[in-house]
Amino acid sequence: MDEYRRATMFFDAGDPIRAAQILAPIVAAEPDHSDVRLLLARAYFHSAQLSRAEEQLRLLIERNPSDHYVQFVLGRTLERQNRPAEALPHLRMASAMHPSDEYAETLRRVSAKA
């Protein structure tokens, strides 16, 4: 997993594109590693590759629908794609599972758009 650590360093240093380039082959080779897939989804999100982020996040939700953070990031991804009505159920789920100010504020903002 040296490549995963390297990708994490690129992501943390503000280079999500390079992180995604490193992570994509890891996910292809080892598709069951949710932590790697989540970092890939976040790298896609932060580099505005939103359809790719959505694809990865939906796979993660299929595996574990009770992951509040994945629900939240999918909601944010859909919001950024100007799909607030589709984002709301995921944001509501995240807020219900893990009350936080960030989740609540995002839910209010997206609810106003929908």
C-alpha atoms as a PDB file:
ATOM      1  CA  MET A   1       0.000   0.000   0.000  1.00  0.00           C
ATOM      2  CA  ASP A   2       2.896   2.363  -0.568  1.00  0.00           C
ATOM      3  CA  GLU A   3       0.984   3.813  -3.514  1.00  0.00           C
ATOM      4  CA  TYR A   4      -1.995   4.501  -1.249  1.00  0.00           C
ATOM      5  CA  ARG A   5       0.223   6.447   1.155  1.00  0.00           C
ATOM      6  CA  ARG A   6       1.720   8.326  -1.791  1.00  0.00           C
ATOM      7  CA  ALA A   7      -1.764   9.175  -3.088  1.00  0.00           C
ATOM      8  CA  THR A   8      -2.772  10.367   0.378  1.00  0.00           C
ATOM      9  CA  MET A   9       0.237  12.669   0.450  1.00  0.00           C
ATOM     10  CA  PHE A  10      -0.735  14.171  -2.906  1.00  0.00           C
ATOM     11  CA  PHE A  11      -4.339  14.580  -1.755  1.00  0.00           C
ATOM     12  CA  ASP A  12      -3.308  16.214   1.520  1.00  0.00           C
ATOM     13  CA  ALA A  13      -0.909  18.502  -0.371  1.00  0.00           C
ATOM     14  CA  GLY A  14      -3.794  19.806  -2.503  1.00  0.00           C
ATOM     15  CA  ASP A  15      -3.204  17.769  -5.670  1.00  0.00           C
ATOM     16  CA  PRO A  16      -6.356  15.640  -5.991  1.00  0.00           C
ATOM     17  CA  ILE A  17      -5.793  15.009  -9.697  1.00  0.00           C
ATOM     18  CA  ARG A  18      -2.466  13.292  -9.075  1.00  0.00           C
ATOM     19  CA  ALA A  19      -3.973  11.426  -6.131  1.00  0.00           C
ATOM     20  CA  ALA A  20      -6.780  10.134  -8.371  1.00  0.00           C
ATOM     21  CA  GLN A  21      -4.282   9.036 -11.008  1.00  0.00           C
ATOM     22  CA  ILE A  22      -2.484   6.942  -8.405  1.00  0.00           C
ATOM     23  CA  LEU A  23      -5.652   5.601  -6.764  1.00  0.00           C
ATOM     24  CA  ALA A  24      -7.624   4.558  -9.851  1.00  0.00           C
ATOM     25  CA  PRO A  25      -5.409   1.555 -10.669  1.00  0.00           C
ATOM     26  CA  ILE A  26      -5.383   0.498  -7.011  1.00  0.00           C
ATOM     27  CA  VAL A  27      -9.188   0.469  -6.928  1.00  0.00           C
ATOM     28  CA  ALA A  28      -9.278  -1.419 -10.228  1.00  0.00           C
ATOM     29  CA  ALA A  29      -6.922  -4.066  -8.830  1.00  0.00           C
ATOM     30  CA  GLU A  30      -8.481  -4.229  -5.362  1.00  0.00           C
ATOM     31  CA  PRO A  31     -12.129  -3.102  -5.666  1.00  0.00           C
ATOM     32  CA  ASP A  32     -13.120  -4.246  -2.165  1.00  0.00           C
ATOM     33  CA  HIS A  33     -10.941  -1.716  -0.318  1.00  0.00           C
ATOM     34  CA  SER A  34     -13.513   0.869   0.717  1.00  0.00           C
ATOM     35  CA  ASP A  35     -10.976   3.256   2.228  1.00  0.00           C
ATOM     36  CA  VAL A  36      -9.091   3.473  -1.076  1.00  0.00           C
ATOM     37  CA  ARG A  37     -12.337   3.914  -3.025  1.00  0.00           C
ATOM     38  CA  LEU A  38     -13.461   6.688  -0.657  1.00  0.00           C
ATOM     39  CA  LEU A  39     -10.202   8.572  -1.090  1.00  0.00           C
ATOM     40  CA  LEU A  40     -10.553   8.170  -4.865  1.00  0.00           C
ATOM     41  CA  ALA A  41     -14.106   9.558  -4.687  1.00  0.00           C
ATOM     42  CA  ARG A  42     -12.894  12.509  -2.613  1.00  0.00           C
ATOM     43  CA  ALA A  43     -10.041  13.144  -5.063  1.00  0.00           C
ATOM     44  CA  TYR A  44     -12.538  13.152  -7.917  1.00  0.00           C
ATOM     45  CA  PHE A  45     -14.833  15.480  -5.947  1.00  0.00           C
ATOM     46  CA  HIS A  46     -12.032  17.932  -5.179  1.00  0.00           C
ATOM     47  CA  SER A  47     -10.849  17.941  -8.786  1.00  0.00           C
ATOM     48  CA  ALA A  48     -14.402  18.557 -10.077  1.00  0.00           C
ATOM     49  CA  GLN A  49     -14.667  15.134 -11.704  1.00  0.00           C
ATOM     50  CA  LEU A  50     -18.130  14.898 -10.245  1.00  0.00           C
ATOM     51  CA  SER A  51     -19.614  12.075 -12.304  1.00  0.00           C
ATOM     52  CA  ARG A  52     -16.631   9.903 -11.418  1.00  0.00           C
ATOM     53  CA  ALA A  53     -17.001  10.846  -7.753  1.00  0.00           C
ATOM     54  CA  GLU A  54     -20.699   9.986  -7.891  1.00  0.00           C
ATOM     55  CA  GLU A  55     -19.958   6.581  -9.409  1.00  0.00           C
ATOM     56  CA  GLN A  56     -17.493   5.684  -6.649  1.00  0.00           C
ATOM     57  CA  LEU A  57     -19.755   6.986  -3.884  1.00  0.00           C
ATOM     58  CA  ARG A  58     -22.771   5.042  -5.139  1.00  0.00           C
ATOM     59  CA  LEU A  59     -20.705   1.848  -5.076  1.00  0.00           C
ATOM     60  CA  LEU A  60     -19.701   2.598  -1.488  1.00  0.00           C
ATOM     61  CA  ILE A  61     -23.321   3.244  -0.471  1.00  0.00           C
ATOM     62  CA  GLU A  62     -24.402  -0.052  -2.037  1.00  0.00           C
ATOM     63  CA  ARG A  63     -21.919  -1.785   0.258  1.00  0.00           C
ATOM     64  CA  ASN A  64     -22.653   0.241   3.375  1.00  0.00           C
ATOM     65  CA  PRO A  65     -25.708   2.518   3.291  1.00  0.00           C
ATOM     66  CA  SER A  66     -25.171   3.440   6.944  1.00  0.00           C
ATOM     67  CA  ASP A  67     -21.938   5.349   6.289  1.00  0.00           C
ATOM     68  CA  HIS A  68     -23.015   8.898   7.069  1.00  0.00           C
ATOM     69  CA  TYR A  69     -19.907  10.478   5.575  1.00  0.00           C
ATOM     70  CA  VAL A  70     -20.341   8.733   2.221  1.00  0.00           C
ATOM     71  CA  GLN A  71     -24.007   9.791   2.207  1.00  0.00           C
ATOM     72  CA  PHE A  72     -22.923  13.368   2.910  1.00  0.00           C
ATOM     73  CA  VAL A  73     -20.251  13.460   0.207  1.00  0.00           C
ATOM     74  CA  LEU A  74     -22.666  11.973  -2.337  1.00  0.00           C
ATOM     75  CA  GLY A  75     -25.186  14.663  -1.393  1.00  0.00           C
ATOM     76  CA  ARG A  76     -22.541  17.353  -1.867  1.00  0.00           C
ATOM     77  CA  THR A  77     -21.503  15.817  -5.190  1.00  0.00           C
ATOM     78  CA  LEU A  78     -25.076  15.901  -6.445  1.00  0.00           C
ATOM     79  CA  GLU A  79     -25.463  19.463  -5.167  1.00  0.00           C
ATOM     80  CA  ARG A  80     -22.382  20.553  -7.114  1.00  0.00           C
ATOM     81  CA  GLN A  81     -23.927  18.971 -10.211  1.00  0.00           C
ATOM     82  CA  ASN A  82     -26.989  21.187  -9.672  1.00  0.00           C
ATOM     83  CA  ARG A  83     -29.164  18.229  -8.692  1.00  0.00           C
ATOM     84  CA  PRO A  84     -30.483  19.407  -5.310  1.00  0.00           C
ATOM     85  CA  ALA A  85     -33.611  17.227  -5.318  1.00  0.00           C
ATOM     86  CA  GLU A  86     -31.428  14.125  -5.731  1.00  0.00           C
ATOM     87  CA  ALA A  87     -28.990  15.369  -3.095  1.00  0.00           C
ATOM     88  CA  LEU A  88     -31.610  15.888  -0.371  1.00  0.00           C
ATOM     89  CA  PRO A  89     -32.261  12.246   0.586  1.00  0.00           C
ATOM     90  CA  HIS A  90     -28.544  11.618   1.048  1.00  0.00           C
ATOM     91  CA  LEU A  91     -28.047  14.793   3.065  1.00  0.00           C
ATOM     92  CA  ARG A  92     -31.073  14.011   5.225  1.00  0.00           C
ATOM     93  CA  MET A  93     -29.755  10.517   5.854  1.00  0.00           C
ATOM     94  CA  ALA A  94     -26.319  11.836   6.793  1.00  0.00           C
ATOM     95  CA  SER A  95     -27.833  14.411   9.155  1.00  0.00           C
ATOM     96  CA  ALA A  96     -30.068  11.832  10.806  1.00  0.00           C
ATOM     97  CA  MET A  97     -27.221   9.379  11.340  1.00  0.00           C
ATOM     98  CA  HIS A  98     -24.633  11.898  12.483  1.00  0.00           C
ATOM     99  CA  PRO A  99     -25.923  15.281  13.635  1.00  0.00           C
ATOM    100  CA  SER A 100     -23.342  17.969  12.937  1.00  0.00           C
ATOM    101  CA  ASP A 101     -23.382  21.663  12.166  1.00  0.00           C
ATOM    102  CA  GLU A 102     -21.802  21.110   8.752  1.00  0.00           C
ATOM    103  CA  TYR A 103     -24.380  18.504   7.760  1.00  0.00           C
ATOM    104  CA  ALA A 104     -27.274  20.632   9.043  1.00  0.00           C
ATOM    105  CA  GLU A 105     -26.069  23.763   7.243  1.00  0.00           C
ATOM    106  CA  THR A 106     -25.592  21.880   3.989  1.00  0.00           C
ATOM    107  CA  LEU A 107     -29.045  20.341   4.323  1.00  0.00           C
ATOM    108  CA  ARG A 108     -30.612  23.805   4.861  1.00  0.00           C
ATOM    109  CA  ARG A 109     -28.771  25.260   1.860  1.00  0.00           C
ATOM    110  CA  VAL A 110     -29.733  22.417  -0.473  1.00  0.00           C
ATOM    111  CA  SER A 111     -33.333  22.355   0.804  1.00  0.00           C
ATOM    112  CA  ALA A 112     -33.637  26.025  -0.156  1.00  0.00           C
ATOM    113  CA  LYS A 113     -32.485  25.197  -3.703  1.00  0.00           C
ATOM    114  CA  ALA A 114     -34.783  22.221  -4.204  1.00  0.00           C
END
